[in-house]
Amino acid sequence: MDLVLNVADRYFFTPYVYPSSWPEGRPLRQIISLLAVTNLGIVVLYLCLGWLSYQFIFDRNLMKHPLFLKNQVWREIKLSMTSLPIISIPTVAIFFLEVRGYSQLYDNIEESLTGWSFMLFSMISFVLFTDGSDLCYAPFPQHFHKLHHVFKIPTPFASHAFHPLDGFMSSLPYHIYPFLFPLDKVLYLALYIFVNIWTLSIHDGNYCVPGPLQAVVNGAAHHTDHHLFFTVNYGQYFTLWDRISGSYRTPSVLEGKGPGLIAEGKMNGHPTGNGTKSKEE
């Protein structure tokens, strides 16, 4: 986060906010600045990307599902916007340690072990590490995670709708990784943005993973079943760890009985009688 903080200091905080008696390296100033940058960044990512996904990708037919809640989109946004500032407090504590040089983040590719090949290895290992860590974390705070599962048929705005403790704990593997393994700073920022985009994508109700990858990639179809059944398809990116642990479930929609078909009033080609009007309309 020191890259982001340096840019914010140069173009905003130093010339317009802080007095000259508060130098850029002052710990208290760094903490306050990190709080501001972190909250602004995640809110912009969440609202802008969530709106784009909701407008252009999300399947509106899912809003006709009988489990889609009244005023659900507003409830998802409200929970997210309430929780994100609280989640940012322990998150900023970790970012502060990064800025002070306690992590294994490095500035230049020349500092990596084997150059570009290590960058590729870092991307793969980051995804596998965080994916597996999510599964290890999953069985513990079920009471807190149930708040996220109130939204059985999620929209993209449910992507960040967590209890604050649950939200921070689920993000912890992403913050732990650069303290355990070397990682390029620019790559870390790119992965941070990617994680947020991916989290939105698995809540967008668009079951568009290509056929050959459906058994490997944990897409929206898999994650929708996680919302419906709670104890299956914990993975964030891949189905690997769920298959190893026995929590994998073939997505209902791929078996012709998913929520999209129910919303349209069909089940295996037969009427279900559940095609109700959207509660948002």
Protein backbone atom coordinates (compact mmCIF):
# COMPACT_ATOMS: atom_id res chain seq x y z
CA MET A 1 0.00 0.00 0.00
CA ASP A 2 2.97 2.33 0.20
CA LEU A 3 2.75 2.86 -3.58
CA VAL A 4 -0.82 4.12 -3.24
CA LEU A 5 0.07 6.15 -0.17
CA ASN A 6 3.01 7.80 -1.94
CA VAL A 7 0.77 8.90 -4.82
CA ALA A 8 -1.92 10.16 -2.43
CA ASP A 9 0.72 12.07 -0.43
CA ARG A 10 2.30 13.65 -3.49
CA TYR A 11 -0.87 14.83 -5.18
CA PHE A 12 -3.32 15.38 -2.33
CA PHE A 13 -2.36 14.93 1.32
CA THR A 14 0.92 16.87 1.34
CA PRO A 15 -0.17 19.90 -0.70
CA TYR A 16 -3.76 20.16 0.55
CA VAL A 17 -4.34 18.34 3.85
CA TYR A 18 -1.47 18.04 6.30
CA PRO A 19 0.60 20.89 7.74
CA SER A 20 4.34 20.89 7.08
CA SER A 21 4.90 19.92 10.71
CA TRP A 22 3.44 16.49 9.87
CA PRO A 23 6.04 14.79 7.63
CA GLU A 24 5.00 11.98 5.30
CA GLY A 25 6.81 9.34 7.34
CA ARG A 26 5.00 10.17 10.58
CA PRO A 27 3.20 6.99 11.79
CA LEU A 28 -0.02 8.71 12.89
CA ARG A 29 -0.28 10.52 9.56
CA GLN A 30 0.25 7.26 7.70
CA ILE A 31 -2.51 5.53 9.68
CA ILE A 32 -5.00 8.35 9.08
CA SER A 33 -4.12 8.49 5.38
CA LEU A 34 -4.40 4.73 5.02
CA LEU A 35 -7.86 4.81 6.61
CA ALA A 36 -8.98 7.46 4.13
CA VAL A 37 -7.44 5.78 1.06
CA THR A 38 -8.62 2.29 2.00
CA ASN A 39 -12.22 3.32 2.64
CA LEU A 40 -12.44 5.48 -0.47
CA GLY A 41 -10.83 2.80 -2.64
CA ILE A 42 -13.02 -0.09 -1.56
CA VAL A 43 -16.24 1.95 -1.69
CA VAL A 44 -15.44 3.13 -5.23
CA LEU A 45 -14.56 -0.40 -6.33
CA TYR A 46 -17.66 -1.87 -4.72
CA LEU A 47 -20.21 0.68 -5.90
CA CYS A 48 -18.84 1.30 -9.40
CA LEU A 49 -18.07 -2.30 -10.31
CA GLY A 50 -21.20 -3.51 -8.54
CA TRP A 51 -23.36 -1.06 -10.50
CA LEU A 52 -21.75 -2.03 -13.82
CA SER A 53 -22.22 -5.73 -13.09
CA TYR A 54 -25.80 -5.22 -11.91
CA GLN A 55 -26.71 -3.15 -14.97
CA PHE A 56 -25.00 -5.15 -17.71
CA ILE A 57 -24.32 -8.69 -16.45
CA PHE A 58 -26.70 -9.67 -13.66
CA ASP A 59 -29.64 -11.81 -14.78
CA ARG A 60 -32.71 -9.81 -13.73
CA ASN A 61 -34.88 -12.93 -14.05
CA LEU A 62 -33.36 -14.09 -10.76
CA MET A 63 -35.22 -11.28 -9.01
CA LYS A 64 -38.43 -13.23 -9.69
CA HIS A 65 -37.21 -16.15 -7.61
CA PRO A 66 -39.38 -16.74 -4.50
CA LEU A 67 -36.27 -16.55 -2.29
CA PHE A 68 -35.30 -13.12 -3.59
CA LEU A 69 -36.00 -10.75 -0.70
CA LYS A 70 -38.04 -7.59 -0.67
CA ASN A 71 -35.75 -4.57 -1.12
CA GLN A 72 -32.84 -7.00 -1.34
CA VAL A 73 -30.51 -4.83 -3.42
CA TRP A 74 -30.87 -1.96 -0.95
CA ARG A 75 -30.29 -4.35 1.97
CA GLU A 76 -27.12 -5.70 0.36
CA ILE A 77 -25.75 -2.22 -0.21
CA LYS A 78 -26.71 -1.06 3.29
CA LEU A 79 -24.98 -4.03 4.96
CA SER A 80 -21.87 -3.57 2.82
CA MET A 81 -21.60 0.16 3.43
CA THR A 82 -22.07 -0.39 7.17
CA SER A 83 -19.51 -3.18 7.42
CA LEU A 84 -16.74 -1.93 5.13
CA PRO A 85 -15.62 0.98 7.37
CA ILE A 86 -15.40 -1.39 10.35
CA ILE A 87 -13.51 -4.00 8.33
CA SER A 88 -11.08 -1.28 7.24
CA ILE A 89 -9.79 -0.74 10.81
CA PRO A 90 -7.94 -4.07 11.24
CA THR A 91 -7.16 -4.05 7.52
CA VAL A 92 -5.38 -0.70 7.85
CA ALA A 93 -3.38 -2.09 10.78
CA ILE A 94 -2.00 -4.71 8.38
CA PHE A 95 -1.43 -2.14 5.63
CA PHE A 96 0.47 -0.02 8.15
CA LEU A 97 2.82 -2.93 8.84
CA GLU A 98 3.35 -3.26 5.09
CA VAL A 99 4.14 0.45 4.74
CA ARG A 100 6.61 0.24 7.64
CA GLY A 101 8.46 -2.56 5.85
CA TYR A 102 7.48 -5.64 7.85
CA SER A 103 6.14 -7.65 4.89
CA GLN A 104 8.02 -9.39 2.08
CA LEU A 105 6.69 -7.05 -0.60
CA TYR A 106 9.42 -5.79 -2.94
CA ASP A 107 9.64 -2.83 -5.31
CA ASN A 108 11.34 -4.08 -8.48
CA ILE A 109 11.20 -7.29 -10.44
CA GLU A 110 14.99 -7.44 -10.17
CA GLU A 111 14.48 -8.12 -6.46
CA SER A 112 12.48 -11.29 -7.15
CA LEU A 113 14.10 -14.70 -6.99
CA THR A 114 13.95 -15.54 -10.70
CA GLY A 115 12.50 -12.49 -12.45
CA TRP A 116 9.33 -12.83 -14.52
CA SER A 117 9.01 -16.55 -13.92
CA PHE A 118 8.75 -15.87 -10.20
CA MET A 119 6.05 -13.26 -10.89
CA LEU A 120 4.01 -15.96 -12.65
CA PHE A 121 4.65 -18.38 -9.80
CA SER A 122 3.56 -15.70 -7.30
CA MET A 123 0.24 -15.20 -9.10
CA ILE A 124 -0.51 -18.92 -9.14
CA SER A 125 0.59 -19.52 -5.55
CA PHE A 126 -1.36 -16.47 -4.30
CA VAL A 127 -4.58 -17.76 -5.87
CA LEU A 128 -4.09 -21.33 -4.63
CA PHE A 129 -3.06 -20.20 -1.13
CA THR A 130 -5.99 -17.84 -0.66
CA ASP A 131 -8.44 -20.31 -2.22
CA GLY A 132 -7.37 -23.07 0.15
CA SER A 133 -7.31 -20.73 3.14
CA ASP A 134 -10.92 -19.74 2.49
CA LEU A 135 -11.91 -23.38 2.79
CA CYS A 136 -9.94 -23.82 6.03
CA TYR A 137 -11.69 -20.78 7.49
CA ALA A 138 -15.17 -21.76 6.31
CA PRO A 139 -16.30 -24.18 9.08
CA PHE A 140 -15.60 -21.86 12.04
CA PRO A 141 -17.64 -18.62 12.23
CA GLN A 142 -20.87 -19.99 10.75
CA HIS A 143 -22.96 -17.76 13.02
CA PHE A 144 -21.40 -14.62 11.51
CA HIS A 145 -21.37 -15.95 7.94
CA LYS A 146 -25.12 -16.60 8.07
CA LEU A 147 -25.65 -12.86 7.69
CA HIS A 148 -24.15 -13.07 4.21
CA HIS A 149 -26.36 -16.06 3.44
CA VAL A 150 -29.55 -14.18 4.15
CA PHE A 151 -29.26 -13.38 0.44
CA LYS A 152 -30.02 -16.81 -1.03
CA ILE A 153 -30.20 -15.42 -4.55
CA PRO A 154 -27.40 -12.83 -4.47
CA THR A 155 -26.82 -9.86 -6.71
CA PRO A 156 -23.37 -8.32 -7.31
CA PHE A 157 -24.04 -5.99 -4.38
CA ALA A 158 -24.05 -8.99 -2.03
CA SER A 159 -20.37 -9.53 -2.82
CA HIS A 160 -19.22 -7.40 0.13
CA ALA A 161 -22.29 -7.78 2.33
CA PHE A 162 -20.74 -9.46 5.38
CA HIS A 163 -20.73 -9.17 9.13
CA PRO A 164 -17.57 -7.10 9.84
CA LEU A 165 -15.78 -9.95 11.64
CA ASP A 166 -16.69 -12.40 8.90
CA GLY A 167 -15.61 -9.95 6.20
CA PHE A 168 -12.22 -9.34 7.79
CA MET A 169 -11.55 -13.01 8.54
CA SER A 170 -12.41 -14.04 4.98
CA SER A 171 -10.01 -11.40 3.62
CA LEU A 172 -7.20 -12.29 6.02
CA PRO A 173 -5.46 -14.84 3.73
CA TYR A 174 -4.94 -12.10 1.12
CA HIS A 175 -3.17 -9.95 3.70
CA ILE A 176 -1.19 -12.78 5.27
CA TYR A 177 0.33 -13.97 2.00
CA PRO A 178 2.86 -11.11 1.50
CA PHE A 179 4.08 -11.57 5.06
CA LEU A 180 4.88 -15.21 4.35
CA PHE A 181 6.08 -15.08 0.74
CA PRO A 182 7.86 -12.50 -1.46
CA LEU A 183 5.50 -10.58 -3.72
CA ASP A 184 5.90 -7.66 -6.11
CA LYS A 185 4.08 -4.54 -4.88
CA VAL A 186 2.45 -3.72 -8.23
CA LEU A 187 1.35 -7.34 -8.62
CA TYR A 188 -0.10 -7.24 -5.11
CA LEU A 189 -2.24 -4.21 -6.01
CA ALA A 190 -3.34 -5.88 -9.24
CA LEU A 191 -4.30 -9.03 -7.35
CA TYR A 192 -6.19 -6.93 -4.79
CA ILE A 193 -8.30 -5.41 -7.59
CA PHE A 194 -8.70 -8.81 -9.26
CA VAL A 195 -9.98 -10.36 -6.01
CA ASN A 196 -12.69 -7.70 -5.73
CA ILE A 197 -13.73 -8.12 -9.38
CA TRP A 198 -13.85 -11.89 -9.00
CA THR A 199 -15.89 -11.61 -5.80
CA LEU A 200 -18.43 -9.51 -7.68
CA SER A 201 -18.46 -11.94 -10.60
CA ILE A 202 -19.40 -14.99 -8.53
CA HIS A 203 -22.42 -13.09 -7.23
CA ASP A 204 -23.65 -11.82 -10.61
CA GLY A 205 -25.94 -14.74 -11.52
CA ASN A 206 -24.28 -15.10 -14.92
CA TYR A 207 -23.46 -18.78 -15.30
CA CYS A 208 -21.19 -18.31 -18.29
CA VAL A 209 -18.09 -20.38 -17.43
CA PRO A 210 -17.16 -22.30 -20.61
CA GLY A 211 -18.19 -25.96 -20.54
CA PRO A 212 -14.70 -27.52 -20.27
CA LEU A 213 -13.89 -25.27 -17.29
CA GLN A 214 -17.11 -25.75 -15.34
CA ALA A 215 -15.67 -28.68 -13.40
CA VAL A 216 -12.56 -26.66 -12.48
CA VAL A 217 -13.51 -22.99 -12.07
CA ASN A 218 -15.73 -21.94 -9.18
CA GLY A 219 -18.03 -19.52 -10.96
CA ALA A 220 -21.37 -17.89 -10.17
CA ALA A 221 -23.25 -21.18 -10.65
CA HIS A 222 -21.14 -22.87 -7.96
CA HIS A 223 -21.32 -19.92 -5.59
CA THR A 224 -25.08 -19.55 -5.95
CA ASP A 225 -25.41 -23.12 -4.65
CA HIS A 226 -23.12 -22.12 -1.77
CA HIS A 227 -25.64 -19.42 -0.88
CA LEU A 228 -28.55 -21.82 -1.20
CA PHE A 229 -27.09 -24.82 0.65
CA PHE A 230 -24.43 -23.15 2.84
CA THR A 231 -22.11 -26.16 3.34
CA VAL A 232 -20.97 -26.71 -0.26
CA ASN A 233 -18.71 -25.00 -2.81
CA TYR A 234 -16.67 -22.89 -0.39
CA GLY A 235 -13.94 -22.23 -2.97
CA GLN A 236 -13.31 -18.74 -4.28
CA TYR A 237 -11.69 -19.53 -7.63
CA PHE A 238 -11.44 -23.28 -8.18
CA THR A 239 -13.27 -26.45 -7.23
CA LEU A 240 -10.02 -28.23 -6.28
CA TRP A 241 -10.14 -27.76 -2.51
CA ASP A 242 -13.87 -28.53 -2.33
CA ARG A 243 -13.28 -31.79 -4.20
CA ILE A 244 -10.44 -32.71 -1.85
CA SER A 245 -12.47 -31.92 1.27
CA GLY A 246 -15.71 -33.47 0.02
CA SER A 247 -17.72 -30.23 -0.02
CA TYR A 248 -18.02 -30.01 -3.82
CA ARG A 249 -21.51 -29.98 -5.30
CA THR A 250 -22.30 -29.90 -9.00
CA PRO A 251 -24.14 -26.60 -9.56
CA SER A 252 -27.89 -27.05 -9.69
CA VAL A 253 -28.20 -24.87 -12.76
CA LEU A 254 -25.90 -27.22 -14.67
CA GLU A 255 -28.27 -30.06 -13.81
CA GLY A 256 -31.26 -28.20 -15.19
CA LYS A 257 -32.75 -27.27 -11.83
CA GLY A 258 -31.05 -24.04 -10.85
CA PRO A 259 -32.57 -20.81 -9.52
CA GLY A 260 -32.68 -19.25 -12.97
CA LEU A 261 -35.08 -21.93 -14.17
CA ILE A 262 -37.20 -21.63 -11.04
CA ALA A 263 -37.39 -17.87 -11.56
CA GLU A 264 -38.71 -18.43 -15.05
CA GLY A 265 -41.36 -20.82 -13.70
CA LYS A 266 -39.72 -23.94 -15.14
CA MET A 267 -38.05 -27.00 -13.73
CA ASN A 268 -36.66 -29.55 -16.16
CA GLY A 269 -39.01 -28.14 -18.75
CA HIS A 270 -42.12 -28.24 -16.51
CA PRO A 271 -43.96 -25.36 -14.82
CA THR A 272 -43.26 -24.90 -11.11
CA GLY A 273 -45.80 -22.25 -10.30
CA ASN A 274 -43.14 -20.17 -8.58
CA GLY A 275 -42.63 -17.51 -11.21
CA THR A 276 -43.49 -14.53 -9.04
CA LYS A 277 -43.05 -10.88 -9.76
CA SER A 278 -39.72 -9.37 -8.68
CA LYS A 279 -39.85 -7.84 -5.22
CA GLU A 280 -37.74 -4.94 -6.51
CA GLU A 281 -40.40 -3.98 -9.02
